[in-house]
Amino acid sequence: METTKVVLGNARGEVQLFSDDKKAGKMDISVIKDKLTVYHTEVDEEYAGKGFAKLLLNQLVSYARENDLKIVPLCPYVHAQFKRNPEEYQDVWFKEAK
C-alpha cells in the first residue's frame, strides 16, 4: 500500500512516498510565500519503473492546489512532466513573465 505526505519544516521540506511503511521516494521542496519550488525527485532503485515518481508529482500538485501555491519546477522530472502536459498543470505552473 503506497502513501504520500508533505513534510515541511520552516520553508524546506519533502513530499514523501512510503510503500508498506518503507520510504520509497521523495521530492525536495521549499515553500516561500506563494511559491513551491521542487528541486529534486528521487525514487529508491527497488521501486523504479512502478510509477512512484508520478505518485509524488500528484501529491505535489494536490498540495499546491489546496494551498493556492504556484510550482517552480527546477527538478528535471517535474519540468519534463509540466512541458509534456501543460494543460494538466497550467493552474499551478509558475512561469516567469517574459
Protein backbone atom coordinates (compact mmCIF):
# COMPACT_ATOMS: atom_id res chain seq x y z
CA MET A 1 0.00 0.00 0.00
CA GLU A 2 1.50 3.33 -1.10
CA THR A 3 1.01 6.53 0.86
CA THR A 4 2.32 10.05 0.33
CA LYS A 5 2.65 13.03 2.64
CA VAL A 6 4.09 16.52 2.58
CA VAL A 7 6.50 17.29 5.41
CA LEU A 8 7.60 20.92 5.81
CA GLY A 9 9.92 22.33 8.42
CA ASN A 10 10.39 26.09 8.19
CA ALA A 11 10.44 26.71 4.42
CA ARG A 12 12.18 23.49 3.33
CA GLY A 13 10.75 20.02 3.26
CA GLU A 14 9.84 16.92 1.33
CA VAL A 15 7.00 15.18 -0.35
CA GLN A 16 7.50 11.64 0.92
CA LEU A 17 6.30 8.36 -0.56
CA PHE A 18 6.02 5.21 1.50
CA SER A 19 5.37 1.69 0.27
CA ASP A 20 4.38 -0.75 3.02
CA ASP A 21 5.74 1.70 5.63
CA LYS A 22 9.16 1.88 3.92
CA LYS A 23 10.29 5.19 2.46
CA ALA A 24 10.35 4.58 -1.30
CA GLY A 25 10.92 8.08 -2.64
CA LYS A 26 10.86 11.80 -2.05
CA MET A 27 10.82 15.24 -3.62
CA ASP A 28 12.92 18.02 -2.13
CA ILE A 29 10.84 21.20 -1.92
CA SER A 30 10.66 24.64 -0.39
CA VAL A 31 7.71 26.94 0.12
CA ILE A 32 8.24 30.68 0.24
CA LYS A 33 5.18 32.91 0.16
CA ASP A 34 3.01 31.64 -2.71
CA LYS A 35 5.69 29.60 -4.50
CA LEU A 36 6.51 25.93 -4.04
CA THR A 37 9.89 25.12 -5.55
CA VAL A 38 10.67 21.48 -6.32
CA TYR A 39 14.39 20.76 -6.63
CA HIS A 40 14.76 17.01 -6.93
CA THR A 41 12.71 13.83 -7.27
CA GLU A 42 14.17 10.55 -6.09
CA VAL A 43 12.72 7.03 -6.06
CA ASP A 44 14.61 4.16 -4.47
CA GLU A 45 16.02 1.76 -7.11
CA GLU A 46 13.96 -1.06 -5.64
CA TYR A 47 10.79 0.81 -6.70
CA ALA A 48 11.94 2.10 -10.10
CA GLY A 49 9.52 1.76 -13.01
CA LYS A 50 6.40 1.44 -10.84
CA GLY A 51 5.04 4.96 -11.39
CA PHE A 52 6.14 6.17 -7.98
CA ALA A 53 7.58 9.45 -9.29
CA LYS A 54 4.14 10.18 -10.75
CA LEU A 55 2.55 9.49 -7.33
CA LEU A 56 4.93 12.03 -5.82
CA LEU A 57 4.08 14.53 -8.56
CA ASN A 58 0.35 14.03 -7.99
CA GLN A 59 0.77 14.73 -4.26
CA LEU A 60 2.89 17.80 -5.00
CA VAL A 61 0.27 19.20 -7.37
CA SER A 62 -2.60 18.43 -4.96
CA TYR A 63 -0.75 20.18 -2.14
CA ALA A 64 -0.09 23.22 -4.35
CA ARG A 65 -3.76 23.42 -5.38
CA GLU A 66 -5.03 23.00 -1.81
CA ASN A 67 -2.72 25.76 -0.57
CA ASP A 68 -3.04 28.14 -3.56
CA LEU A 69 0.65 27.80 -4.48
CA LYS A 70 2.46 28.03 -7.81
CA ILE A 71 5.09 25.37 -8.54
CA VAL A 72 8.57 26.35 -9.71
CA PRO A 73 9.75 23.12 -11.43
CA LEU A 74 13.55 23.18 -11.06
CA CYS A 75 13.55 19.37 -10.89
CA PRO A 76 14.15 17.94 -14.40
CA TYR A 77 11.47 15.26 -13.93
CA VAL A 78 8.78 17.72 -12.84
CA HIS A 79 9.73 20.22 -15.53
CA ALA A 80 9.52 17.50 -18.20
CA GLN A 81 6.08 16.41 -16.97
CA PHE A 82 4.84 20.02 -16.99
CA LYS A 83 6.14 20.52 -20.54
CA ARG A 84 4.56 17.25 -21.76
CA ASN A 85 1.18 18.00 -20.15
CA PRO A 86 0.88 21.81 -19.93
CA GLU A 87 -2.93 21.82 -19.83
CA GLU A 88 -2.95 19.47 -16.82
CA TYR A 89 -0.62 21.70 -14.80
CA GLN A 90 -1.28 25.21 -16.13
CA ASP A 91 -3.10 26.31 -12.97
CA VAL A 92 -0.10 25.54 -10.73
CA TRP A 93 2.88 26.08 -13.08
CA PHE A 94 4.80 29.25 -12.22
CA LYS A 95 6.27 30.77 -15.35
CA GLU A 96 8.44 33.86 -15.39
CA ALA A 97 6.93 36.77 -17.29
CA LYS A 98 8.90 37.41 -20.45
